[in-house]
Protein backbone atom coordinates (compact mmCIF):
# COMPACT_ATOMS: atom_id res chain seq x y z
CA MET A 1 0.00 0.00 0.00
CA ASN A 2 1.23 3.49 -0.75
CA PHE A 3 0.19 7.08 -0.16
CA GLN A 4 -1.32 7.62 -3.61
CA VAL A 5 -3.50 4.52 -3.31
CA GLY A 6 -4.85 5.87 -0.02
CA ILE A 7 -5.60 9.22 -1.62
CA GLU A 8 -7.50 7.55 -4.45
CA TYR A 9 -9.59 5.54 -1.98
CA TYR A 10 -10.29 8.73 -0.04
CA LYS A 11 -11.36 10.68 -3.12
CA ALA A 12 -13.61 7.79 -4.18
CA GLY A 13 -15.32 7.76 -0.79
CA LYS A 14 -13.91 4.33 0.09
CA PHE A 15 -13.08 5.39 3.62
CA GLU A 16 -12.59 1.96 5.19
CA GLU A 17 -10.05 1.04 2.52
CA ALA A 18 -8.37 4.44 2.79
CA LEU A 19 -8.18 4.13 6.57
CA THR A 20 -6.45 0.76 6.27
CA VAL A 21 -3.83 2.29 3.97
CA PHE A 22 -3.10 5.25 6.22
CA ASN A 23 -3.03 3.11 9.35
CA GLN A 24 -0.31 1.02 7.70
CA LEU A 25 1.61 4.09 6.54
CA ILE A 26 1.53 5.66 10.01
CA GLU A 27 2.60 2.40 11.62
CA LYS A 28 5.75 2.53 9.48
CA ASP A 29 6.43 6.27 9.75
CA GLN A 30 4.96 8.59 12.38
CA THR A 31 6.79 11.71 11.21
CA GLN A 32 4.79 12.44 8.05
CA THR A 33 2.14 15.11 8.65
CA SER A 34 0.38 14.23 5.38
CA TYR A 35 -0.39 10.73 6.69
CA PHE A 36 -2.05 12.08 9.83
CA LEU A 37 -3.78 14.83 7.84
CA TYR A 38 -5.55 12.41 5.53
CA ARG A 39 -6.30 9.89 8.25
CA GLY A 40 -7.83 12.70 10.29
CA ARG A 41 -10.01 13.70 7.35
CA ILE A 42 -11.05 10.10 6.78
CA LEU A 43 -11.92 9.53 10.43
CA SER A 44 -13.99 12.69 10.48
CA ARG A 45 -15.89 11.66 7.37
CA MET A 46 -16.59 8.35 9.09
CA GLY A 47 -18.07 10.19 12.07
CA LYS A 48 -15.09 9.43 14.33
CA THR A 49 -14.37 13.06 15.10
CA GLU A 50 -12.77 12.47 18.50
CA ASN A 51 -10.26 10.13 16.87
CA ALA A 52 -9.75 12.64 14.08
CA LEU A 53 -8.83 15.28 16.64
CA LEU A 54 -6.03 13.06 17.94
CA ASP A 55 -4.52 13.05 14.46
CA PHE A 56 -4.83 16.82 14.13
CA ASN A 57 -3.23 17.20 17.55
CA GLN A 58 -0.31 15.16 16.23
CA ILE A 59 -0.06 17.26 13.08
CA VAL A 60 0.15 20.48 15.08
CA ALA A 61 2.69 18.88 17.42
CA LEU A 62 4.86 18.02 14.41
CA GLU A 63 4.50 21.49 12.85
CA PRO A 64 3.41 23.88 15.62
CA TYR A 65 3.67 27.04 13.50
CA ASN A 66 1.93 25.76 10.38
CA THR A 67 -1.14 27.99 10.23
CA ASP A 68 -3.00 25.70 7.82
CA PHE A 69 -2.74 22.84 10.31
CA ILE A 70 -3.73 25.08 13.22
CA ALA A 71 -6.84 26.16 11.32
CA ASP A 72 -7.52 22.53 10.38
CA ARG A 73 -7.52 21.61 14.05
CA ALA A 74 -9.86 24.53 14.76
CA VAL A 75 -12.41 23.10 12.31
CA VAL A 76 -12.34 19.72 14.06
CA LEU A 77 -12.77 21.38 17.46
CA HIS A 78 -15.77 23.25 16.07
CA LEU A 79 -17.30 20.03 14.82
CA LEU A 80 -16.97 18.70 18.37
CA ASN A 81 -18.79 21.83 19.59
CA ARG A 82 -15.66 22.97 21.43
CA ASN A 83 -16.06 26.44 20.02
CA GLU A 84 -14.02 28.42 22.54
CA GLU A 85 -11.01 26.23 21.79
CA ALA A 86 -11.75 26.45 18.07
CA LEU A 87 -11.82 30.24 18.20
CA ALA A 88 -8.52 30.29 20.09
CA GLU A 89 -6.95 28.24 17.29
CA PHE A 90 -8.41 30.45 14.54
CA ASP A 91 -7.05 33.45 16.47
CA ARG A 92 -3.62 31.84 16.76
CA ALA A 93 -3.52 31.14 13.02
CA ALA A 94 -4.43 34.76 12.27
CA ASN A 95 -1.82 36.07 14.72
CA LEU A 96 0.89 33.93 13.13
CA ASP A 97 -0.15 34.80 9.57
CA PRO A 98 -1.67 38.30 9.84
CA ASN A 99 -1.23 39.27 6.19
CA ASN A 100 -3.08 36.27 4.79
CA PRO A 101 -6.70 37.24 4.00
CA TYR A 102 -7.77 33.59 4.15
CA ARG A 103 -7.07 33.54 7.90
CA TYR A 104 -9.76 36.18 8.41
CA SER A 105 -12.29 34.86 5.91
CA SER A 106 -12.11 31.35 7.40
CA ARG A 107 -12.49 32.73 10.92
CA ALA A 108 -15.39 34.86 9.69
CA PHE A 109 -17.08 31.77 8.26
CA PHE A 110 -16.70 30.07 11.64
CA LYS A 111 -18.03 33.12 13.52
CA ASP A 112 -21.06 33.19 11.24
CA ARG A 113 -21.73 29.52 12.05
CA ILE A 114 -21.64 30.13 15.81
CA GLY A 115 -23.79 33.26 15.65
CA ASP A 116 -21.15 35.98 16.10
CA LEU A 117 -22.42 37.91 13.11
CA GLN A 118 -20.79 41.24 13.92
CA GLY A 119 -17.46 39.49 14.45
CA ALA A 120 -17.90 37.73 11.12
CA ILE A 121 -18.44 41.03 9.32
CA GLU A 122 -15.33 42.53 10.93
CA ASP A 123 -13.24 39.57 9.77
CA TYR A 124 -14.65 39.67 6.24
CA GLU A 125 -13.83 43.38 6.12
CA LYS A 126 -10.25 42.63 7.18
CA ALA A 127 -9.99 39.92 4.51
CA ILE A 128 -11.27 42.39 1.91
CA GLU A 129 -8.81 45.04 3.09
CA LEU A 130 -5.99 42.57 2.44
CA ASP A 131 -7.48 41.26 -0.82
CA PRO A 132 -9.89 43.74 -2.43
CA GLU A 133 -10.49 41.31 -5.31
CA ASP A 134 -11.95 38.57 -3.09
CA ALA A 135 -15.47 38.20 -4.44
CA VAL A 136 -16.26 35.34 -2.05
CA ALA A 137 -15.52 37.52 0.99
CA TYR A 138 -17.78 40.27 -0.37
CA ASN A 139 -20.53 37.74 -1.07
CA ASN A 140 -20.32 36.11 2.35
CA LYS A 141 -20.19 39.49 4.07
CA GLY A 142 -23.39 40.36 2.22
CA LEU A 143 -25.06 37.19 3.49
CA VAL A 144 -24.16 38.07 7.09
CA GLU A 145 -25.28 41.68 6.63
CA GLU A 146 -28.56 40.35 5.27
CA LYS A 147 -29.04 38.25 8.41
CA LEU A 148 -28.56 41.38 10.50
CA GLY A 149 -31.08 43.32 8.43
CA TYR A 150 -28.50 45.63 6.88
CA SER A 151 -30.29 45.73 3.53
CA LYS A 152 -28.34 48.59 1.95
CA LYS A 153 -24.95 47.23 3.02
CA SER A 154 -25.76 43.69 1.93
CA LYS A 155 -26.92 44.94 -1.48
CA GLU A 156 -23.64 46.81 -1.90
CA SER A 157 -21.62 43.74 -0.91
CA PHE A 158 -23.53 41.49 -3.31
CA GLU A 159 -23.12 43.99 -6.14
CA LYS A 160 -19.38 44.24 -5.51
CA ALA A 161 -19.08 40.44 -5.53
CA ASP A 162 -21.06 40.30 -8.78
CA ASP A 163 -18.85 42.97 -10.35
CA LEU A 164 -15.67 41.11 -9.42
CA VAL A 165 -16.78 37.87 -11.08
CA GLY A 166 -18.48 39.55 -14.03
CA TYR A 167 -21.98 38.47 -13.03
CA LYS A 168 -24.74 40.62 -14.47
CA ALA A 169 -27.96 40.62 -12.47
CA PRO A 170 -31.30 40.79 -14.33
CA GLU A 171 -32.57 44.33 -14.82
CA ASN A 172 -35.92 43.56 -13.22
CA LYS A 173 -35.03 42.15 -9.82
CA GLN A 174 -38.59 41.96 -8.51
CA ASN A 175 -39.22 38.56 -10.05
CA THR A 176 -35.83 37.03 -9.43
CA ALA A 177 -35.07 34.24 -7.00
CA PRO A 178 -33.81 35.04 -3.49
CA LYS A 179 -30.41 36.68 -3.40
CA GLN A 180 -28.67 33.61 -2.00
CA GLU A 181 -29.41 31.76 -5.23
CA ASN A 182 -28.04 34.53 -7.42
CA THR A 183 -24.84 35.36 -5.59
CA VAL A 184 -21.37 33.99 -6.10
CA PRO A 185 -21.25 30.41 -4.79
CA LEU A 186 -18.78 29.72 -2.03
CA PRO A 187 -16.06 27.52 -3.52
CA GLU A 188 -15.30 24.29 -1.71
CA ILE A 189 -11.63 25.21 -1.50
CA LYS A 190 -10.07 28.56 -2.32
CA LYS A 191 -7.60 28.27 -5.18
CA GLU A 192 -4.59 29.19 -3.10
CA GLU A 193 -5.62 26.86 -0.27
CA LYS A 194 -6.20 23.61 -2.18
CA GLU A 195 -4.24 21.51 0.27
CA SER A 196 -5.57 23.08 3.45
CA LEU A 197 -8.56 21.89 5.36
CA THR A 198 -11.94 23.54 5.05
CA PHE A 199 -15.38 22.69 6.38
CA LYS A 200 -15.93 20.81 3.12
CA TYR A 201 -13.74 17.93 4.27
CA PHE A 202 -16.13 17.12 7.11
């Protein structure tokens, strides 16, 4: 069994087979973060989130300043409803990597999920400040503003997102579907973060 075989099983949704491969790989070599990363993802997809956290703990122990791995661990903590610990990890990732807009947009997404809507907006605004071309951040900020009843602000955010991706809204908006169906879809993984963990993996 080798790493690539395990990846193919994982991508095909054959989690039991993938788990067997990564268990064998880790038994032979416990220094490879990629082995623990994928086994953690597999365990989480199998509903074994507590076990997955052990693997993400190991990943962070191996690379304590890797902000992708810190944020990965934060996602797992959130899935276990350990949100204070999750927030602390998202904060740590942002503190270590303060010029990366993804640190703020991912924390904003988390804050939205736990009901800290104002905090989510602040983080999306920081992400946009660092990357003014981030249509997804504008779109998601608009969704949060909409939840708070900020109609004018949400409309402006949606329009900015639409402009950035070249989307042209129908002239007569009265008969269109709800805004959520017309806005820029949230990608499963941001282009520059293809190898990092997002909520999609769980």
